[in-house]
């Protein structure tokens, strides 16, 4: 899902919802690019809440993210 939060900058681009009530965030970037300072701050807030935030910058990085997310399974 494309994530849009009016009035709140730095939120990751995508919200990924998986079976088992699992939620992940992804901030897609061009090859070699890093999150801007506000994005890095918001990513830290989300991570401290216990969620994973991925920052893929290539097709391979997206494939690796999908493999990681798919292999985690849901809560028992």
Protein backbone atom coordinates (compact mmCIF):
# COMPACT_ATOMS: atom_id res chain seq x y z
CA UNK A 1 0.00 0.00 0.00
CA UNK A 2 1.16 3.51 -0.75
CA UNK A 3 1.34 5.24 2.62
CA UNK A 4 0.32 8.91 2.76
CA UNK A 5 0.16 10.83 6.03
CA UNK A 6 -0.86 14.44 5.46
CA UNK A 7 0.86 16.79 7.86
CA UNK A 8 3.51 14.23 8.85
CA UNK A 9 6.74 14.25 6.85
CA UNK A 10 9.31 11.48 6.61
CA UNK A 11 6.84 8.59 6.68
CA UNK A 12 7.96 5.54 4.64
CA UNK A 13 6.55 5.16 1.11
CA UNK A 14 4.93 1.78 1.58
CA UNK A 15 3.00 -0.13 4.22
CA UNK A 16 3.26 -3.89 3.73
CA UNK A 17 0.56 -5.97 5.40
CA UNK A 18 1.07 -9.73 5.67
CA UNK A 19 -0.98 -12.63 7.02
CA UNK A 20 -0.74 -13.12 10.76
CA UNK A 21 -1.18 -9.42 11.57
CA UNK A 22 2.36 -8.56 10.42
CA UNK A 23 3.11 -5.01 9.26
CA UNK A 24 6.29 -3.69 7.67
CA UNK A 25 7.35 -0.36 6.21
CA UNK A 26 9.49 0.32 3.14
CA UNK A 27 11.14 3.53 1.97
CA UNK A 28 12.17 2.95 -1.64
CA UNK A 29 15.25 4.81 -2.83
CA UNK A 30 17.26 5.20 -6.01
CA UNK A 31 20.45 3.13 -6.15
CA UNK A 32 22.91 4.26 -3.49
CA UNK A 33 20.61 6.89 -1.99
CA UNK A 34 19.98 7.06 1.76
CA UNK A 35 17.00 8.38 3.74
CA UNK A 36 16.91 12.11 4.39
CA UNK A 37 17.41 13.17 8.04
CA UNK A 38 13.67 13.53 8.73
CA UNK A 39 13.03 10.11 7.16
CA UNK A 40 15.79 8.52 9.26
CA UNK A 41 14.25 10.07 12.37
CA UNK A 42 10.76 8.75 11.56
CA UNK A 43 12.20 5.32 10.69
CA UNK A 44 13.81 5.27 14.14
CA UNK A 45 10.49 6.11 15.81
CA UNK A 46 8.77 3.29 13.91
CA UNK A 47 11.57 0.83 14.75
CA UNK A 48 11.42 1.73 18.45
CA UNK A 49 7.74 0.78 18.32
CA UNK A 50 8.86 -2.69 17.25
CA UNK A 51 8.21 -2.54 13.50
CA UNK A 52 10.69 -3.25 10.72
CA UNK A 53 11.56 -0.53 8.23
CA UNK A 54 13.32 -1.53 5.02
CA UNK A 55 15.10 0.88 2.68
CA UNK A 56 15.62 -0.98 -0.60
CA UNK A 57 17.53 0.84 -3.34
CA UNK A 58 17.48 -1.77 -6.12
CA UNK A 59 15.40 -4.61 -7.51
CA UNK A 60 17.70 -7.06 -5.73
CA UNK A 61 17.19 -5.21 -2.44
CA UNK A 62 13.41 -5.38 -2.93
CA UNK A 63 13.67 -9.10 -3.70
CA UNK A 64 15.76 -9.59 -0.53
CA UNK A 65 13.18 -7.65 1.50
CA UNK A 66 10.32 -9.77 0.15
CA UNK A 67 12.25 -12.97 0.90
CA UNK A 68 12.95 -11.82 4.47
CA UNK A 69 9.34 -10.78 5.08
CA UNK A 70 7.93 -13.96 3.52
CA UNK A 71 10.19 -16.17 5.63
CA UNK A 72 9.20 -14.70 8.99
CA UNK A 73 5.78 -16.30 9.29
CA UNK A 74 3.06 -15.04 11.57
CA UNK A 75 2.66 -15.14 15.33
CA UNK A 76 2.15 -18.56 16.85
